[in-house]
């Protein structure tokens, strides 16, 4: 199949061939859902951390003798039901949120996202970006000439300091290397713009 190819001036140059195996597959919504859940779960950090009765300072002495006082027996003043005591069953920073997913399933979810975007006419390519320096104003002017969308994800073949710095200050634009292409970003951004060389690299990476 083909996707539209644009020049930096915003003029449509023609089209470029892309693989049907990557951009024209049957969309599997359930796989996409599982892939996004996995991605967000693996991003989580176990920051919440409470002290148990073993971690709270003090409480080494028995508050009162075991028998004869008429009060309930206690072995430590740092037990969870006392003020100043530890927390029972609270969050700890050793929790692991990581989820696994087979490689083939992850690839299938990625291809489903790309295929849905292509079906919605939200994917196009740019032949090249040339500029004397990193200028956000010039880059923003170029983006306005390209197919309209609320937000834009730019897929790069390799690091491009000029392009990345030019796009950095635009709130609804993100640059990403093709090897880090993922379902969450594809769903988050309205339009997907591949730099032309990144298309071949994507097919080489994900179809091999």
N, C-alpha and C. Protein backbone atom coordinates (compact mmCIF):
# COMPACT_ATOMS: atom_id res chain seq x y z
N UNK A 1 0.84 -1.19 0.00
CA UNK A 1 0.00 0.00 0.00
C UNK A 1 0.88 1.25 0.00
N UNK A 2 0.25 2.41 -0.13
CA UNK A 2 0.99 3.66 -0.22
C UNK A 2 0.48 4.65 0.81
N UNK A 3 1.40 5.52 1.28
CA UNK A 3 1.00 6.65 2.11
C UNK A 3 1.55 7.93 1.46
N UNK A 4 0.92 9.05 1.77
CA UNK A 4 1.30 10.32 1.14
C UNK A 4 2.69 10.77 1.59
N UNK A 5 3.42 11.36 0.66
CA UNK A 5 4.75 11.88 0.92
C UNK A 5 4.74 13.39 0.68
N UNK A 6 5.19 14.14 1.68
CA UNK A 6 5.19 15.60 1.61
C UNK A 6 6.61 16.15 1.60
N UNK A 7 6.73 17.37 1.05
CA UNK A 7 7.98 18.11 1.13
C UNK A 7 7.92 19.06 2.33
N UNK A 8 9.06 19.62 2.68
CA UNK A 8 9.14 20.55 3.80
C UNK A 8 8.27 21.79 3.57
N UNK A 9 8.06 22.14 2.33
CA UNK A 9 7.24 23.30 1.99
C UNK A 9 5.76 23.06 2.20
N UNK A 10 5.38 21.80 2.47
CA UNK A 10 3.99 21.46 2.67
C UNK A 10 3.32 20.95 1.41
N UNK A 11 4.06 20.93 0.30
CA UNK A 11 3.52 20.46 -0.98
C UNK A 11 3.58 18.93 -1.02
N UNK A 12 2.51 18.32 -1.48
CA UNK A 12 2.49 16.86 -1.60
C UNK A 12 3.37 16.44 -2.77
N UNK A 13 4.38 15.62 -2.45
CA UNK A 13 5.36 15.21 -3.45
C UNK A 13 4.89 13.98 -4.22
N UNK A 14 4.09 13.16 -3.58
CA UNK A 14 3.64 11.91 -4.20
C UNK A 14 3.26 10.93 -3.12
N UNK A 15 3.68 9.70 -3.29
CA UNK A 15 3.39 8.68 -2.29
C UNK A 15 4.59 7.74 -2.16
N UNK A 16 4.59 6.99 -1.08
CA UNK A 16 5.68 6.06 -0.83
C UNK A 16 5.09 4.71 -0.45
N UNK A 17 5.72 3.65 -0.94
CA UNK A 17 5.24 2.29 -0.67
C UNK A 17 5.59 1.86 0.75
N UNK A 18 4.62 1.24 1.42
CA UNK A 18 4.86 0.67 2.75
C UNK A 18 4.33 -0.75 2.76
N UNK A 19 4.78 -1.52 3.71
CA UNK A 19 4.43 -2.94 3.77
C UNK A 19 3.00 -3.16 4.28
N UNK A 20 2.25 -4.00 3.55
CA UNK A 20 0.90 -4.36 4.01
C UNK A 20 0.95 -5.13 5.32
N UNK A 21 2.04 -5.87 5.53
CA UNK A 21 2.16 -6.67 6.75
C UNK A 21 2.29 -5.82 7.99
N UNK A 22 2.59 -4.55 7.81
CA UNK A 22 2.78 -3.64 8.95
C UNK A 22 1.71 -2.56 9.01
N UNK A 23 1.25 -2.11 7.85
CA UNK A 23 0.34 -0.98 7.81
C UNK A 23 -1.07 -1.33 7.33
N UNK A 24 -1.32 -2.62 7.06
CA UNK A 24 -2.65 -3.00 6.58
C UNK A 24 -3.01 -4.38 7.11
N UNK A 25 -3.11 -4.46 8.43
CA UNK A 25 -3.49 -5.73 9.06
C UNK A 25 -4.86 -5.56 9.71
N UNK A 26 -5.46 -6.69 10.08
CA UNK A 26 -6.74 -6.66 10.79
C UNK A 26 -6.49 -6.13 12.20
N UNK A 27 -7.21 -5.10 12.59
CA UNK A 27 -6.99 -4.46 13.89
C UNK A 27 -7.52 -5.34 15.01
N UNK A 28 -6.65 -5.62 15.97
CA UNK A 28 -7.02 -6.43 17.14
C UNK A 28 -7.07 -5.50 18.36
N UNK A 29 -8.26 -5.04 18.69
CA UNK A 29 -8.43 -4.08 19.79
C UNK A 29 -7.99 -4.64 21.14
N UNK A 30 -8.23 -5.92 21.37
CA UNK A 30 -7.87 -6.52 22.66
C UNK A 30 -6.36 -6.56 22.85
N UNK A 31 -5.63 -6.89 21.79
CA UNK A 31 -4.17 -6.89 21.88
C UNK A 31 -3.64 -5.49 22.15
N UNK A 32 -4.24 -4.50 21.50
CA UNK A 32 -3.83 -3.11 21.71
C UNK A 32 -4.07 -2.72 23.16
N UNK A 33 -5.22 -3.10 23.69
CA UNK A 33 -5.54 -2.77 25.10
C UNK A 33 -4.52 -3.39 26.05
N UNK A 34 -4.20 -4.66 25.83
CA UNK A 34 -3.24 -5.34 26.70
C UNK A 34 -1.84 -4.73 26.58
N UNK A 35 -1.47 -4.33 25.35
CA UNK A 35 -0.15 -3.74 25.14
C UNK A 35 -0.02 -2.40 25.85
N UNK A 36 -1.08 -1.60 25.81
CA UNK A 36 -1.04 -0.28 26.48
C UNK A 36 -1.01 -0.45 27.99
N UNK A 37 -1.81 -1.40 28.50
CA UNK A 37 -1.80 -1.66 29.95
C UNK A 37 -0.42 -2.10 30.39
N UNK A 38 0.21 -2.98 29.62
CA UNK A 38 1.57 -3.43 29.94
C UNK A 38 2.55 -2.28 29.94
N UNK A 39 2.46 -1.42 28.92
CA UNK A 39 3.40 -0.30 28.81
C UNK A 39 3.26 0.66 29.99
N UNK A 40 2.03 0.97 30.37
CA UNK A 40 1.81 1.89 31.49
C UNK A 40 2.21 1.25 32.82
N UNK A 41 1.96 -0.06 32.95
CA UNK A 41 2.34 -0.75 34.18
C UNK A 41 3.85 -0.79 34.35
N UNK A 42 4.57 -1.05 33.26
CA UNK A 42 6.03 -1.12 33.34
C UNK A 42 6.66 0.24 33.58
N UNK A 43 5.89 1.30 33.34
CA UNK A 43 6.38 2.65 33.58
C UNK A 43 6.23 3.06 35.06
N UNK A 44 5.39 2.33 35.78
CA UNK A 44 5.10 2.71 37.16
C UNK A 44 6.31 2.51 38.07
N UNK A 45 6.42 3.38 39.06
CA UNK A 45 7.46 3.26 40.07
C UNK A 45 6.81 3.11 41.43
N UNK A 46 7.36 2.23 42.25
CA UNK A 46 6.81 2.01 43.59
C UNK A 46 7.40 3.06 44.53
N UNK A 47 6.84 4.25 44.50
CA UNK A 47 7.36 5.35 45.33
C UNK A 47 6.74 5.36 46.72
N UNK A 48 5.47 4.96 46.83
CA UNK A 48 4.81 4.96 48.13
C UNK A 48 5.45 3.92 49.05
N UNK A 49 5.78 4.34 50.28
CA UNK A 49 6.48 3.44 51.18
C UNK A 49 6.17 3.82 52.62
N UNK A 50 5.63 2.87 53.37
CA UNK A 50 5.33 3.12 54.78
C UNK A 50 6.23 2.23 55.66
N UNK A 51 6.31 2.60 56.93
CA UNK A 51 7.10 1.82 57.88
C UNK A 51 6.21 0.82 58.61
N UNK A 52 6.69 -0.38 58.70
CA UNK A 52 6.01 -1.39 59.50
C UNK A 52 6.45 -1.25 60.96
N UNK A 53 5.90 -2.05 61.83
CA UNK A 53 6.28 -1.97 63.25
C UNK A 53 7.77 -2.28 63.45
N UNK A 54 8.35 -3.01 62.51
CA UNK A 54 9.78 -3.33 62.62
C UNK A 54 10.65 -2.14 62.24
N UNK A 55 10.11 -1.21 61.46
CA UNK A 55 10.90 -0.08 60.97
C UNK A 55 10.81 1.15 61.87
N UNK A 56 9.72 1.26 62.66
CA UNK A 56 9.52 2.44 63.50
C UNK A 56 10.48 2.40 64.69
N UNK A 57 11.08 3.56 64.97
CA UNK A 57 12.04 3.61 66.06
C UNK A 57 11.34 3.50 67.42
N UNK A 58 11.97 2.80 68.34
CA UNK A 58 11.43 2.65 69.69
C UNK A 58 10.60 1.39 69.83
N UNK A 59 9.90 1.31 70.97
CA UNK A 59 9.01 0.17 71.19
C UNK A 59 9.70 -1.08 71.64
N UNK A 60 10.93 -0.97 72.09
CA UNK A 60 11.65 -2.18 72.49
C UNK A 60 11.20 -2.73 73.83
N UNK A 61 10.71 -1.83 74.69
CA UNK A 61 10.29 -2.27 76.03
C UNK A 61 8.80 -2.59 76.04
N UNK A 62 8.43 -3.63 76.76
CA UNK A 62 7.02 -3.98 76.90
C UNK A 62 6.32 -2.88 77.71
N UNK A 63 5.21 -2.32 77.16
CA UNK A 63 4.57 -1.17 77.83
C UNK A 63 4.17 -1.44 79.29
N UNK A 64 3.63 -2.59 79.56
CA UNK A 64 3.32 -3.01 80.93
C UNK A 64 3.35 -4.51 81.01
N UNK A 65 3.31 -5.01 82.25
CA UNK A 65 3.44 -6.46 82.42
C UNK A 65 2.27 -7.19 81.79
N UNK A 66 2.51 -8.46 81.51
CA UNK A 66 1.55 -9.26 80.76
C UNK A 66 0.22 -9.40 81.50
N UNK A 67 0.28 -9.66 82.80
CA UNK A 67 -0.94 -9.98 83.54
C UNK A 67 -1.10 -9.05 84.76
N UNK A 68 -2.32 -8.98 85.23
CA UNK A 68 -2.58 -8.31 86.49
C UNK A 68 -2.95 -6.85 86.42
N UNK A 69 -2.93 -6.24 85.24
CA UNK A 69 -3.25 -4.81 85.17
C UNK A 69 -4.70 -4.57 84.77
N UNK A 70 -5.36 -5.58 84.24
CA UNK A 70 -6.72 -5.41 83.76
C UNK A 70 -6.78 -4.86 82.35
N UNK A 71 -5.65 -4.52 81.79
CA UNK A 71 -5.62 -3.99 80.43
C UNK A 71 -5.22 -5.08 79.44
N UNK A 72 -5.44 -4.79 78.17
CA UNK A 72 -5.07 -5.76 77.15
C UNK A 72 -3.56 -5.92 77.12
N UNK A 73 -3.12 -7.10 76.73
CA UNK A 73 -1.67 -7.37 76.67
C UNK A 73 -1.07 -6.73 75.42
N UNK A 74 0.10 -6.13 75.61
CA UNK A 74 0.83 -5.53 74.49
C UNK A 74 2.32 -5.81 74.67
N UNK A 75 2.98 -6.09 73.54
CA UNK A 75 4.41 -6.37 73.61
C UNK A 75 5.25 -5.19 73.16
N UNK A 76 4.61 -4.23 72.45
CA UNK A 76 5.37 -3.09 71.93
C UNK A 76 4.44 -1.89 71.74
N UNK A 77 4.98 -0.72 71.96
CA UNK A 77 4.19 0.51 71.75
C UNK A 77 4.21 0.92 70.28
N UNK A 78 4.86 0.14 69.45
CA UNK A 78 4.93 0.46 68.02
C UNK A 78 4.07 -0.48 67.18
N UNK A 79 3.13 -1.14 67.83
CA UNK A 79 2.23 -2.01 67.07
C UNK A 79 1.24 -1.14 66.28
N UNK A 80 0.66 -1.67 65.21
CA UNK A 80 -0.13 -0.85 64.28
C UNK A 80 -1.35 -0.16 64.88
N UNK A 81 -1.89 -0.64 66.00
CA UNK A 81 -3.11 -0.02 66.54
C UNK A 81 -2.80 1.08 67.55
N UNK A 82 -1.54 1.34 67.79
CA UNK A 82 -1.17 2.44 68.69
C UNK A 82 -0.74 3.65 67.88
N UNK A 83 -0.99 4.83 68.44
CA UNK A 83 -0.51 6.05 67.83
C UNK A 83 1.02 6.05 67.84
N UNK A 84 1.61 6.40 66.69
CA UNK A 84 3.06 6.38 66.58
C UNK A 84 3.61 5.01 66.20
N UNK A 85 2.70 4.05 66.01
CA UNK A 85 3.14 2.72 65.65
C UNK A 85 3.33 2.56 64.15
N UNK A 86 3.69 1.37 63.72
CA UNK A 86 3.88 1.09 62.30
C UNK A 86 2.55 0.95 61.59
N UNK A 87 2.62 0.79 60.27
CA UNK A 87 1.42 0.63 59.44
C UNK A 87 1.32 -0.83 59.00
N UNK A 88 0.12 -1.38 59.15
CA UNK A 88 -0.11 -2.76 58.71
C UNK A 88 -0.63 -2.78 57.28
N UNK A 89 -0.03 -3.59 56.44
CA UNK A 89 -0.48 -3.80 55.06
C UNK A 89 -0.44 -2.52 54.21
N UNK A 90 0.46 -1.61 54.51
CA UNK A 90 0.60 -0.40 53.71
C UNK A 90 1.47 -0.63 52.49
N UNK A 91 1.54 0.34 51.57
CA UNK A 91 2.37 0.18 50.36
C UNK A 91 3.85 0.18 50.70
N UNK A 92 4.61 -0.65 50.01
CA UNK A 92 6.06 -0.74 50.21
C UNK A 92 6.76 -0.55 48.87
N UNK A 93 7.97 -0.04 48.91
CA UNK A 93 8.68 0.27 47.65
C UNK A 93 9.32 -0.95 47.00
N UNK A 94 9.00 -2.13 47.47
CA UNK A 94 9.53 -3.35 46.85
C UNK A 94 8.52 -3.95 45.88
N UNK A 95 7.37 -3.30 45.73
CA UNK A 95 6.34 -3.85 44.85
C UNK A 95 6.78 -3.77 43.39
N UNK A 96 6.47 -4.81 42.64
CA UNK A 96 6.86 -4.88 41.23
C UNK A 96 5.59 -4.87 40.36
N UNK A 97 5.46 -3.84 39.53
CA UNK A 97 4.28 -3.70 38.69
C UNK A 97 4.48 -4.28 37.29
N UNK A 98 5.66 -4.78 36.99
CA UNK A 98 5.98 -5.20 35.63
C UNK A 98 5.05 -6.30 35.11
N UNK A 99 4.67 -6.15 33.84
CA UNK A 99 3.86 -7.15 33.16
C UNK A 99 4.61 -7.64 31.92
N UNK A 100 4.42 -8.88 31.57
CA UNK A 100 5.07 -9.45 30.39
C UNK A 100 4.05 -9.66 29.27
N UNK A 101 4.56 -9.66 28.05
CA UNK A 101 3.71 -9.92 26.89
C UNK A 101 4.60 -10.50 25.80
N UNK A 102 4.16 -11.54 25.13
CA UNK A 102 5.00 -12.15 24.08
C UNK A 102 5.38 -11.14 23.00
N UNK A 103 6.56 -11.33 22.44
CA UNK A 103 7.07 -10.40 21.42
C UNK A 103 6.13 -10.32 20.22
N UNK A 104 5.61 -11.46 19.78
CA UNK A 104 4.72 -11.48 18.62
C UNK A 104 3.43 -10.71 18.91
N UNK A 105 2.96 -10.81 20.13
CA UNK A 105 1.74 -10.10 20.50
C UNK A 105 1.99 -8.59 20.55
N UNK A 106 3.17 -8.20 21.03
CA UNK A 106 3.52 -6.77 21.07
C UNK A 106 3.62 -6.21 19.66
N UNK A 107 4.24 -6.97 18.77
CA UNK A 107 4.34 -6.53 17.37
C UNK A 107 2.96 -6.42 16.73
N UNK A 108 2.10 -7.41 17.00
CA UNK A 108 0.76 -7.39 16.42
C UNK A 108 -0.04 -6.19 16.91
N UNK A 109 0.15 -5.82 18.18
CA UNK A 109 -0.53 -4.65 18.72
C UNK A 109 -0.03 -3.37 18.06
N UNK A 110 1.27 -3.30 17.84
CA UNK A 110 1.86 -2.13 17.16
C UNK A 110 1.34 -2.01 15.74
N UNK A 111 1.30 -3.12 15.02
CA UNK A 111 0.81 -3.10 13.63
C UNK A 111 -0.68 -2.74 13.58
N UNK A 112 -1.43 -3.16 14.59
CA UNK A 112 -2.85 -2.82 14.66
C UNK A 112 -3.03 -1.31 14.79
N UNK A 113 -2.22 -0.69 15.65
CA UNK A 113 -2.29 0.76 15.84
C UNK A 113 -1.93 1.50 14.55
N UNK A 114 -0.86 1.05 13.89
CA UNK A 114 -0.44 1.69 12.64
C UNK A 114 -1.51 1.53 11.56
N UNK A 115 -2.09 0.33 11.48
CA UNK A 115 -3.10 0.07 10.45
C UNK A 115 -4.35 0.92 10.68
N UNK A 116 -4.73 1.08 11.94
CA UNK A 116 -5.90 1.90 12.24
C UNK A 116 -5.65 3.36 11.87
N UNK A 117 -4.43 3.84 12.17
CA UNK A 117 -4.08 5.22 11.83
C UNK A 117 -4.07 5.43 10.32
N UNK A 118 -3.55 4.45 9.58
CA UNK A 118 -3.54 4.54 8.12
C UNK A 118 -4.98 4.54 7.58
N UNK A 119 -5.81 3.68 8.15
CA UNK A 119 -7.21 3.61 7.72
C UNK A 119 -7.93 4.93 7.96
N UNK A 120 -7.51 5.66 9.00
CA UNK A 120 -8.11 6.96 9.33
C UNK A 120 -7.42 8.12 8.62
N UNK A 121 -6.46 7.79 7.72
CA UNK A 121 -5.69 8.80 6.97
C UNK A 121 -4.92 9.73 7.90
N UNK A 122 -4.32 9.15 8.93
CA UNK A 122 -3.57 9.93 9.91
C UNK A 122 -2.06 9.68 9.84
N UNK A 123 -1.60 8.96 8.81
CA UNK A 123 -0.18 8.66 8.67
C UNK A 123 0.32 9.23 7.34
N UNK A 124 1.43 9.94 7.39
CA UNK A 124 2.06 10.44 6.17
C UNK A 124 3.57 10.50 6.39
N UNK A 125 4.29 10.82 5.32
CA UNK A 125 5.76 10.85 5.40
C UNK A 125 6.28 12.20 4.93
N UNK A 126 7.48 12.54 5.42
CA UNK A 126 8.17 13.76 5.01
C UNK A 126 9.50 13.35 4.40
N UNK A 127 9.81 13.89 3.22
CA UNK A 127 11.02 13.42 2.53
C UNK A 127 12.29 13.83 3.28
N UNK A 128 12.33 15.06 3.81
CA UNK A 128 13.52 15.53 4.53
C UNK A 128 13.20 16.82 5.26
N UNK A 129 14.02 17.11 6.28
CA UNK A 129 13.90 18.40 6.97
C UNK A 129 15.28 19.05 7.00
N UNK A 130 15.38 20.22 6.40
CA UNK A 130 16.66 20.93 6.36
C UNK A 130 16.48 22.34 6.93
N UNK A 131 17.41 22.72 7.80
CA UNK A 131 17.35 24.05 8.41
C UNK A 131 18.76 24.47 8.81
N UNK A 132 18.98 25.77 8.85
CA UNK A 132 20.29 26.29 9.23
C UNK A 132 20.59 26.05 10.70
N UNK A 133 19.54 26.03 11.51
CA UNK A 133 19.71 25.82 12.95
C UNK A 133 18.38 25.42 13.56
N UNK A 134 18.41 25.18 14.86
CA UNK A 134 17.19 24.77 15.57
C UNK A 134 16.32 26.00 15.83
N UNK A 135 15.26 26.13 15.07
CA UNK A 135 14.35 27.26 15.22
C UNK A 135 12.91 26.75 15.33
N UNK A 136 12.35 26.92 16.50
CA UNK A 136 10.99 26.43 16.74
C UNK A 136 9.97 27.14 15.85
N UNK A 137 10.19 28.43 15.63
CA UNK A 137 9.25 29.21 14.82
C UNK A 137 9.15 28.65 13.40
N UNK A 138 10.30 28.36 12.79
CA UNK A 138 10.30 27.81 11.43
C UNK A 138 9.67 26.43 11.39
N UNK A 139 9.95 25.63 12.41
CA UNK A 139 9.41 24.27 12.45
C UNK A 139 7.89 24.31 12.62
N UNK A 140 7.41 25.20 13.49
CA UNK A 140 5.97 25.33 13.72
C UNK A 140 5.27 25.78 12.43
N UNK A 141 5.91 26.66 11.67
CA UNK A 141 5.33 27.11 10.40
C UNK A 141 5.22 25.95 9.42
N UNK A 142 6.23 25.04 9.42
CA UNK A 142 6.18 23.88 8.54
C UNK A 142 5.05 22.93 8.94
N UNK A 143 4.89 22.72 10.24
CA UNK A 143 3.85 21.81 10.74
C UNK A 143 2.46 22.29 10.32
N UNK A 144 2.25 23.59 10.30
CA UNK A 144 0.95 24.15 9.92
C UNK A 144 0.62 23.88 8.45
N UNK A 145 1.65 23.67 7.62
CA UNK A 145 1.44 23.41 6.20
C UNK A 145 1.15 21.94 5.91
N UNK A 146 1.40 21.09 6.91
CA UNK A 146 1.20 19.65 6.74
C UNK A 146 -0.25 19.28 7.10
N UNK A 147 -0.68 18.04 6.83
CA UNK A 147 -2.06 17.65 7.16
C UNK A 147 -2.44 18.02 8.58
N UNK A 148 -3.63 18.59 8.71
CA UNK A 148 -4.07 19.15 9.98
C UNK A 148 -4.37 18.06 11.00
N UNK A 149 -3.99 18.33 12.24
CA UNK A 149 -4.27 17.42 13.34
C UNK A 149 -4.01 18.13 14.66
N UNK A 150 -4.61 17.62 15.72
CA UNK A 150 -4.44 18.27 17.04
C UNK A 150 -3.02 18.11 17.55
N UNK A 151 -2.41 16.97 17.24
CA UNK A 151 -1.06 16.70 17.75
C UNK A 151 -0.31 15.86 16.72
N UNK A 152 1.02 15.84 16.85
CA UNK A 152 1.85 15.19 15.83
C UNK A 152 2.97 14.39 16.48
N UNK A 153 3.11 13.14 16.06
CA UNK A 153 4.23 12.28 16.47
C UNK A 153 5.15 12.12 15.27
N UNK A 154 6.43 12.50 15.46
CA UNK A 154 7.40 12.43 14.37
C UNK A 154 8.33 11.25 14.61
N UNK A 155 8.39 10.33 13.65
CA UNK A 155 9.20 9.12 13.78
C UNK A 155 10.49 9.31 13.00
N UNK A 156 11.63 9.26 13.72
CA UNK A 156 12.93 9.51 13.12
C UNK A 156 13.70 8.22 12.90
N UNK A 157 14.51 8.21 11.85
CA UNK A 157 15.38 7.06 11.59
C UNK A 157 16.55 7.06 12.57
N UNK A 158 17.11 8.22 12.81
CA UNK A 158 18.24 8.38 13.73
C UNK A 158 18.14 9.75 14.39
N UNK A 159 18.97 10.00 15.38
CA UNK A 159 18.92 11.27 16.09
C UNK A 159 19.19 12.43 15.13
N UNK A 160 18.34 13.44 15.22
CA UNK A 160 18.47 14.64 14.41
C UNK A 160 18.36 15.83 15.36
N UNK A 161 19.50 16.34 15.79
CA UNK A 161 19.53 17.37 16.84
C UNK A 161 18.77 18.62 16.43
N UNK A 162 18.91 19.03 15.18
CA UNK A 162 18.23 20.25 14.72
C UNK A 162 16.72 20.07 14.78
N UNK A 163 16.24 18.97 14.23
CA UNK A 163 14.79 18.73 14.21
C UNK A 163 14.24 18.54 15.62
N UNK A 164 14.95 17.77 16.44
CA UNK A 164 14.46 17.50 17.80
C UNK A 164 14.40 18.77 18.64
N UNK A 165 15.42 19.61 18.56
CA UNK A 165 15.41 20.86 19.32
C UNK A 165 14.36 21.83 18.79
N UNK A 166 14.13 21.80 17.49
CA UNK A 166 13.11 22.67 16.90
C UNK A 166 11.71 22.28 17.38
N UNK A 167 11.50 20.98 17.57
CA UNK A 167 10.18 20.49 17.97
C UNK A 167 9.97 20.46 19.48
N UNK A 168 11.05 20.60 20.23
CA UNK A 168 11.00 20.42 21.69
C UNK A 168 9.99 21.32 22.38
N UNK A 169 9.90 22.58 21.96
CA UNK A 169 9.06 23.55 22.68
C UNK A 169 7.61 23.57 22.20
N UNK A 170 7.29 22.75 21.23
CA UNK A 170 5.90 22.68 20.77
C UNK A 170 5.15 21.67 21.65
N UNK A 171 4.09 22.10 22.32
CA UNK A 171 3.43 21.23 23.31
C UNK A 171 2.77 19.99 22.73
N UNK A 172 2.33 20.05 21.48
CA UNK A 172 1.59 18.93 20.91
C UNK A 172 2.39 18.16 19.87
N UNK A 173 3.72 18.29 19.93
CA UNK A 173 4.60 17.60 18.98
C UNK A 173 5.63 16.79 19.77
N UNK A 174 5.84 15.56 19.34
CA UNK A 174 6.85 14.71 19.99
C UNK A 174 7.66 14.00 18.93
N UNK A 175 8.98 13.91 19.15
CA UNK A 175 9.85 13.14 18.26
C UNK A 175 10.23 11.83 18.95
N UNK A 176 10.35 10.77 18.16
CA UNK A 176 10.68 9.46 18.71
C UNK A 176 11.50 8.70 17.68
N UNK A 177 12.49 7.97 18.12
CA UNK A 177 13.25 7.12 17.21
C UNK A 177 12.40 5.91 16.82
N UNK A 178 12.59 5.43 15.62
CA UNK A 178 11.71 4.38 15.09
C UNK A 178 11.77 3.12 15.94
N UNK A 179 12.92 2.84 16.56
CA UNK A 179 13.02 1.62 17.36
C UNK A 179 12.20 1.70 18.65
N UNK A 180 11.80 2.91 19.05
CA UNK A 180 11.00 3.08 20.26
C UNK A 180 9.51 3.29 19.95
N UNK A 181 9.11 3.03 18.73
CA UNK A 181 7.71 3.17 18.35
C UNK A 181 6.85 2.26 19.22
N UNK A 182 5.74 2.78 19.75
CA UNK A 182 4.93 2.01 20.70
C UNK A 182 3.46 2.36 20.58
N UNK A 183 2.57 1.45 20.98
CA UNK A 183 1.13 1.68 20.85
C UNK A 183 0.62 2.90 21.61
N UNK A 184 1.15 3.15 22.79
CA UNK A 184 0.64 4.26 23.60
C UNK A 184 0.83 5.60 22.90
N UNK A 185 2.02 5.83 22.35
CA UNK A 185 2.27 7.09 21.63
C UNK A 185 1.44 7.17 20.36
N UNK A 186 1.29 6.06 19.67
CA UNK A 186 0.49 6.06 18.44
C UNK A 186 -0.97 6.42 18.71
N UNK A 187 -1.48 5.99 19.86
CA UNK A 187 -2.86 6.31 20.21
C UNK A 187 -2.99 7.71 20.79
N UNK A 188 -1.93 8.20 21.41
CA UNK A 188 -1.98 9.51 22.06
C UNK A 188 -1.99 10.65 21.05
N UNK A 189 -1.18 10.50 19.99
CA UNK A 189 -1.04 11.60 19.03
C UNK A 189 -1.97 11.40 17.84
N UNK A 190 -2.50 12.52 17.36
CA UNK A 190 -3.50 12.48 16.30
C UNK A 190 -2.90 12.04 14.97
N UNK A 191 -1.84 12.73 14.53
CA UNK A 191 -1.17 12.41 13.26
C UNK A 191 0.20 11.79 13.52
N UNK A 192 0.59 10.89 12.63
CA UNK A 192 1.91 10.25 12.72
C UNK A 192 2.68 10.61 11.45
N UNK A 193 3.83 11.25 11.64
CA UNK A 193 4.66 11.62 10.49
C UNK A 193 5.98 10.84 10.52
N UNK A 194 6.18 10.01 9.52
CA UNK A 194 7.43 9.28 9.38
C UNK A 194 8.38 10.09 8.51
N UNK A 195 9.62 10.23 8.94
CA UNK A 195 10.63 10.70 8.01
C UNK A 195 10.84 9.56 7.01
N UNK A 196 10.97 9.86 5.75
CA UNK A 196 10.96 8.82 4.71
C UNK A 196 11.94 7.68 4.98
N UNK A 197 13.20 7.97 5.40
CA UNK A 197 14.12 6.84 5.66
C UNK A 197 13.67 5.95 6.82
N UNK A 198 12.87 6.49 7.74
CA UNK A 198 12.47 5.70 8.91
C UNK A 198 11.48 4.60 8.55
N UNK A 199 10.80 4.73 7.41
CA UNK A 199 9.85 3.70 6.98
C UNK A 199 10.56 2.38 6.67
N UNK A 200 11.66 2.48 5.92
CA UNK A 200 12.42 1.28 5.58
C UNK A 200 13.05 0.65 6.82
N UNK A 201 13.51 1.53 7.72
CA UNK A 201 14.14 1.02 8.94
C UNK A 201 13.09 0.33 9.81
N UNK A 202 11.88 0.89 9.85
CA UNK A 202 10.81 0.26 10.64
C UNK A 202 10.48 -1.13 10.13
N UNK A 203 10.39 -1.27 8.80
CA UNK A 203 10.10 -2.58 8.23
C UNK A 203 11.23 -3.57 8.50
N UNK A 204 12.44 -3.06 8.46
CA UNK A 204 13.60 -3.94 8.73
C UNK A 204 13.60 -4.39 10.19
N UNK A 205 13.25 -3.47 11.10
CA UNK A 205 13.28 -3.78 12.53
C UNK A 205 12.13 -4.71 12.95
N UNK A 206 10.93 -4.39 12.50
CA UNK A 206 9.75 -5.07 13.03
C UNK A 206 9.27 -6.26 12.20
N UNK A 207 9.75 -6.37 10.97
CA UNK A 207 9.29 -7.48 10.13
C UNK A 207 10.33 -8.57 9.98
N UNK A 208 11.53 -8.33 10.47
CA UNK A 208 12.60 -9.33 10.33
C UNK A 208 12.46 -10.43 11.37
